[in-house]
Amino acid sequence: MFNLIGAVISGLIVGTLALWLYPHHIEANWVETVLLGVGGSLLAGLVTASRSPGGIGQGVSRAGCLASVLGALVLIFLGRHFGWV
């Protein structure tokens, strides 16, 4: 249960940062923001796990948080490019 609560809180933080850093204004409610943050974290985790010998589950780091925000920014860009947003 605490993992789910932690994922929602971190998704909200990552999604909010990504929406704030994106150059164009995007309307999103808190559920969409959480999903964006979680999706960005998953995207960043998949990319970094495929490139690191340790694999998934290395804990929390500043680089991982930055990668999560960058992953969410990529998802926003793809959504705007393909007309999903």
Protein backbone atom coordinates (compact mmCIF):
# COMPACT_ATOMS: atom_id res chain seq x y z
CA MET A 1 0.00 0.00 0.00
CA PHE A 2 2.85 2.38 0.82
CA ASN A 3 4.41 1.69 -2.58
CA LEU A 4 1.21 2.83 -4.28
CA ILE A 5 1.03 5.99 -2.17
CA GLY A 6 4.70 6.70 -2.89
CA ALA A 7 4.15 6.21 -6.61
CA VAL A 8 1.21 8.64 -6.59
CA ILE A 9 3.15 11.28 -4.64
CA SER A 10 6.30 10.96 -6.75
CA GLY A 11 4.19 10.90 -9.93
CA LEU A 12 2.48 14.11 -8.85
CA ILE A 13 5.83 15.80 -8.18
CA VAL A 14 7.44 14.60 -11.42
CA GLY A 15 4.35 15.42 -13.48
CA THR A 16 4.05 18.89 -11.97
CA LEU A 17 7.72 19.63 -12.66
CA ALA A 18 7.38 18.41 -16.24
CA LEU A 19 4.29 20.53 -16.85
CA TRP A 20 6.02 23.54 -15.31
CA LEU A 21 9.19 23.06 -17.40
CA TYR A 22 7.41 22.45 -20.70
CA PRO A 23 7.50 25.64 -22.83
CA HIS A 24 3.79 25.64 -23.75
CA HIS A 25 0.90 25.71 -21.29
CA ILE A 26 -0.94 22.40 -20.98
CA GLU A 27 -4.18 21.93 -19.06
CA ALA A 28 -4.06 18.81 -16.88
CA ASN A 29 -5.98 17.79 -13.79
CA TRP A 30 -4.23 16.05 -10.92
CA VAL A 31 -4.99 12.52 -12.18
CA GLU A 32 -3.46 13.30 -15.59
CA THR A 33 -0.48 14.89 -13.84
CA VAL A 34 0.07 11.79 -11.69
CA LEU A 35 -0.24 9.50 -14.72
CA LEU A 36 2.20 11.69 -16.64
CA GLY A 37 4.71 11.55 -13.80
CA VAL A 38 4.39 7.79 -13.35
CA GLY A 39 4.65 7.25 -17.11
CA GLY A 40 7.74 9.45 -17.27
CA SER A 41 9.30 7.50 -14.42
CA LEU A 42 8.55 4.20 -16.13
CA LEU A 43 9.97 5.45 -19.44
CA ALA A 44 13.14 6.69 -17.73
CA GLY A 45 13.43 3.46 -15.75
CA LEU A 46 13.18 1.32 -18.85
CA VAL A 47 15.78 3.37 -20.72
CA THR A 48 18.26 3.51 -17.83
CA ALA A 49 17.78 -0.15 -16.83
CA SER A 50 18.63 -1.27 -20.34
CA ARG A 51 21.89 0.70 -20.19
CA SER A 52 23.07 -0.11 -16.66
CA PRO A 53 24.51 -3.43 -15.51
CA GLY A 54 22.65 -3.26 -12.16
CA GLY A 55 19.19 -3.37 -13.72
CA ILE A 56 15.98 -2.13 -12.14
CA GLY A 57 15.65 -1.30 -8.45
CA GLN A 58 18.67 0.84 -7.64
CA GLY A 59 16.80 3.18 -5.27
CA VAL A 60 16.20 6.93 -5.40
CA SER A 61 18.84 9.25 -6.81
CA ARG A 62 19.02 12.77 -8.17
CA ALA A 63 19.88 11.41 -11.61
CA GLY A 64 16.84 9.14 -11.51
CA CYS A 65 14.55 12.02 -10.57
CA LEU A 66 15.96 14.15 -13.37
CA ALA A 67 15.54 11.25 -15.80
CA SER A 68 11.92 10.85 -14.67
CA VAL A 69 11.17 14.51 -15.38
CA LEU A 70 12.89 14.22 -18.77
CA GLY A 71 10.84 11.10 -19.51
CA ALA A 72 7.65 12.99 -18.68
CA LEU A 73 8.76 15.85 -20.94
CA VAL A 74 9.29 13.35 -23.76
CA LEU A 75 5.78 11.99 -23.18
CA ILE A 76 4.33 15.52 -23.36
CA PHE A 77 6.25 16.18 -26.57
CA LEU A 78 5.09 12.92 -28.15
CA GLY A 79 1.51 13.58 -27.06
CA ARG A 80 1.52 17.04 -28.63
CA HIS A 81 3.29 15.80 -31.77
CA PHE A 82 0.83 12.97 -32.41
CA GLY A 83 -2.23 14.94 -31.32
CA TRP A 84 -2.96 13.01 -28.11
CA VAL A 85 -2.88 16.18 -25.96
